[in-house]
């Protein structure tokens, strides 16, 4: 029932892209084609990813998040934010201000 870091990363990458080829996800995660296939198959079996033919190239497969996959990503994102907020409460004000400035810089 546990997830690997690679599985969680895969779900977040597909979420950010909306739809992507299996080969693109493999490249994004720096995985071999066979390792990516195994990772993807596990997520498809769990009902978190959906796989379909690429209309532009029927040999290629496209990935999208399923409804359960989207809920998983939303939950893990909310959980990550909660941990960041809890951690930030214990930081000295000057450190917190520096961290916020850095995060703002990353958004733009």
C-alpha atoms as a PDB file:
ATOM      1  CA  UNK A   1       0.000   0.000   0.000  1.00  0.00           C
ATOM      2  CA  UNK A   2       3.049   2.251   0.328  1.00  0.00           C
ATOM      3  CA  UNK A   3       4.318   4.327  -2.570  1.00  0.00           C
ATOM      4  CA  UNK A   4       7.887   4.779  -3.725  1.00  0.00           C
ATOM      5  CA  UNK A   5       9.350   8.235  -4.247  1.00  0.00           C
ATOM      6  CA  UNK A   6       9.475   7.499  -7.991  1.00  0.00           C
ATOM      7  CA  UNK A   7       5.758   6.617  -8.072  1.00  0.00           C
ATOM      8  CA  UNK A   8       4.799   9.800  -6.237  1.00  0.00           C
ATOM      9  CA  UNK A   9       7.087  11.840  -8.492  1.00  0.00           C
ATOM     10  CA  UNK A  10       5.532  10.225 -11.575  1.00  0.00           C
ATOM     11  CA  UNK A  11       2.034  11.176 -10.469  1.00  0.00           C
ATOM     12  CA  UNK A  12       3.072  14.774  -9.796  1.00  0.00           C
ATOM     13  CA  UNK A  13       4.874  15.052 -13.161  1.00  0.00           C
ATOM     14  CA  UNK A  14       1.836  13.721 -15.055  1.00  0.00           C
ATOM     15  CA  UNK A  15      -0.364  16.102 -13.051  1.00  0.00           C
ATOM     16  CA  UNK A  16       1.809  19.072 -14.045  1.00  0.00           C
ATOM     17  CA  UNK A  17       1.874  18.066 -17.723  1.00  0.00           C
ATOM     18  CA  UNK A  18      -1.791  17.066 -17.939  1.00  0.00           C
ATOM     19  CA  UNK A  19      -1.051  14.366 -20.497  1.00  0.00           C
ATOM     20  CA  UNK A  20       2.267  12.928 -21.557  1.00  0.00           C
ATOM     21  CA  UNK A  21       3.918  10.072 -23.392  1.00  0.00           C
ATOM     22  CA  UNK A  22       5.364   7.163 -21.462  1.00  0.00           C
ATOM     23  CA  UNK A  23       8.781   7.887 -23.006  1.00  0.00           C
ATOM     24  CA  UNK A  24       8.653  11.514 -21.843  1.00  0.00           C
ATOM     25  CA  UNK A  25       7.843  10.467 -18.285  1.00  0.00           C
ATOM     26  CA  UNK A  26      10.721   7.964 -18.352  1.00  0.00           C
ATOM     27  CA  UNK A  27      13.081  10.745 -19.456  1.00  0.00           C
ATOM     28  CA  UNK A  28      11.740  13.173 -16.815  1.00  0.00           C
ATOM     29  CA  UNK A  29      12.353  10.612 -14.061  1.00  0.00           C
ATOM     30  CA  UNK A  30      15.671   9.422 -15.571  1.00  0.00           C
ATOM     31  CA  UNK A  31      14.394   5.836 -15.803  1.00  0.00           C
ATOM     32  CA  UNK A  32      15.031   3.158 -18.406  1.00  0.00           C
ATOM     33  CA  UNK A  33      12.078   2.244 -20.601  1.00  0.00           C
ATOM     34  CA  UNK A  34      11.612  -1.058 -18.747  1.00  0.00           C
ATOM     35  CA  UNK A  35      11.797   0.542 -15.284  1.00  0.00           C
ATOM     36  CA  UNK A  36       9.315   3.225 -16.366  1.00  0.00           C
ATOM     37  CA  UNK A  37       6.982   0.574 -17.779  1.00  0.00           C
ATOM     38  CA  UNK A  38       6.987  -1.334 -14.478  1.00  0.00           C
ATOM     39  CA  UNK A  39       6.408   1.845 -12.469  1.00  0.00           C
ATOM     40  CA  UNK A  40       3.565   2.939 -14.769  1.00  0.00           C
ATOM     41  CA  UNK A  41       1.977  -0.516 -14.791  1.00  0.00           C
ATOM     42  CA  UNK A  42       1.865  -0.471 -10.984  1.00  0.00           C
ATOM     43  CA  UNK A  43       0.145   2.928 -10.989  1.00  0.00           C
ATOM     44  CA  UNK A  44      -2.320   1.833 -13.703  1.00  0.00           C
ATOM     45  CA  UNK A  45      -3.128  -1.314 -11.683  1.00  0.00           C
ATOM     46  CA  UNK A  46      -3.782   0.853  -8.605  1.00  0.00           C
ATOM     47  CA  UNK A  47      -6.151   3.007 -10.661  1.00  0.00           C
ATOM     48  CA  UNK A  48      -4.072   6.186 -10.348  1.00  0.00           C
ATOM     49  CA  UNK A  49      -2.919   6.537 -13.961  1.00  0.00           C
ATOM     50  CA  UNK A  50      -4.809   5.966 -17.193  1.00  0.00           C
ATOM     51  CA  UNK A  51      -2.967   4.837 -20.332  1.00  0.00           C
ATOM     52  CA  UNK A  52      -4.263   5.306 -23.886  1.00  0.00           C
ATOM     53  CA  UNK A  53      -2.996   5.298 -27.467  1.00  0.00           C
ATOM     54  CA  UNK A  54      -1.442   8.527 -28.682  1.00  0.00           C
ATOM     55  CA  UNK A  55      -3.743   9.683 -31.515  1.00  0.00           C
ATOM     56  CA  UNK A  56      -0.716  11.144 -33.329  1.00  0.00           C
ATOM     57  CA  UNK A  57       1.304   7.891 -33.105  1.00  0.00           C
ATOM     58  CA  UNK A  58      -0.608   4.706 -32.351  1.00  0.00           C
ATOM     59  CA  UNK A  59       2.602   2.942 -31.261  1.00  0.00           C
ATOM     60  CA  UNK A  60       3.073   5.417 -28.401  1.00  0.00           C
ATOM     61  CA  UNK A  61       1.064   5.490 -25.177  1.00  0.00           C
ATOM     62  CA  UNK A  62      -0.219   8.603 -23.421  1.00  0.00           C
ATOM     63  CA  UNK A  63      -0.652   8.918 -19.669  1.00  0.00           C
ATOM     64  CA  UNK A  64      -3.160  10.962 -17.696  1.00  0.00           C
ATOM     65  CA  UNK A  65      -4.186  10.975 -14.061  1.00  0.00           C
ATOM     66  CA  UNK A  66      -7.361   9.134 -13.207  1.00  0.00           C
ATOM     67  CA  UNK A  67      -9.836  10.720 -10.778  1.00  0.00           C
ATOM     68  CA  UNK A  68      -8.207   8.710  -7.956  1.00  0.00           C
ATOM     69  CA  UNK A  69      -4.780   9.842  -9.141  1.00  0.00           C
ATOM     70  CA  UNK A  70      -5.879  13.483  -9.041  1.00  0.00           C
ATOM     71  CA  UNK A  71      -7.215  13.023  -5.483  1.00  0.00           C
ATOM     72  CA  UNK A  72      -3.916  11.384  -4.470  1.00  0.00           C
ATOM     73  CA  UNK A  73      -1.881  14.312  -5.866  1.00  0.00           C
ATOM     74  CA  UNK A  74      -4.158  16.859  -4.177  1.00  0.00           C
ATOM     75  CA  UNK A  75      -3.870  15.000  -0.857  1.00  0.00           C
ATOM     76  CA  UNK A  76      -0.076  14.706  -1.014  1.00  0.00           C
ATOM     77  CA  UNK A  77       0.234  18.372  -2.018  1.00  0.00           C
ATOM     78  CA  UNK A  78      -1.973  19.438   0.909  1.00  0.00           C
ATOM     79  CA  UNK A  79      -0.010  17.187   3.270  1.00  0.00           C
ATOM     80  CA  UNK A  80       3.305  18.650   2.063  1.00  0.00           C
ATOM     81  CA  UNK A  81       1.971  22.178   2.633  1.00  0.00           C
ATOM     82  CA  UNK A  82       0.843  21.239   6.147  1.00  0.00           C
ATOM     83  CA  UNK A  83       4.323  19.912   7.004  1.00  0.00           C
ATOM     84  CA  UNK A  84       5.957  23.059   5.597  1.00  0.00           C
ATOM     85  CA  UNK A  85       3.616  25.263   7.641  1.00  0.00           C
ATOM     86  CA  UNK A  86       4.305  23.295  10.836  1.00  0.00           C
ATOM     87  CA  UNK A  87       8.052  23.480  10.232  1.00  0.00           C
ATOM     88  CA  UNK A  88       7.922  27.198   9.415  1.00  0.00           C
ATOM     89  CA  UNK A  89       6.192  28.006  12.719  1.00  0.00           C
ATOM     90  CA  UNK A  90       9.345  26.974  14.575  1.00  0.00           C
ATOM     91  CA  UNK A  91      11.721  29.060  12.450  1.00  0.00           C
ATOM     92  CA  UNK A  92      13.169  32.385  13.606  1.00  0.00           C
ATOM     93  CA  UNK A  93      11.459  35.334  11.873  1.00  0.00           C
ATOM     94  CA  UNK A  94      14.540  36.352   9.864  1.00  0.00           C
ATOM     95  CA  UNK A  95      14.961  32.795   8.523  1.00  0.00           C
ATOM     96  CA  UNK A  96      11.267  32.600   7.652  1.00  0.00           C
ATOM     97  CA  UNK A  97      11.433  35.937   5.783  1.00  0.00           C
ATOM     98  CA  UNK A  98      14.437  34.687   3.794  1.00  0.00           C
ATOM     99  CA  UNK A  99      12.657  31.444   2.960  1.00  0.00           C
ATOM    100  CA  UNK A 100       9.533  33.289   1.788  1.00  0.00           C
ATOM    101  CA  UNK A 101      11.631  35.625  -0.378  1.00  0.00           C
ATOM    102  CA  UNK A 102      13.333  32.615  -1.960  1.00  0.00           C
ATOM    103  CA  UNK A 103      10.006  30.880  -2.620  1.00  0.00           C
ATOM    104  CA  UNK A 104       8.574  34.025  -4.186  1.00  0.00           C
ATOM    105  CA  UNK A 105      11.614  34.207  -6.453  1.00  0.00           C
ATOM    106  CA  UNK A 106      11.065  30.612  -7.574  1.00  0.00           C
ATOM    107  CA  UNK A 107       7.453  31.315  -8.610  1.00  0.00           C
ATOM    108  CA  UNK A 108       8.382  34.064 -11.075  1.00  0.00           C
END
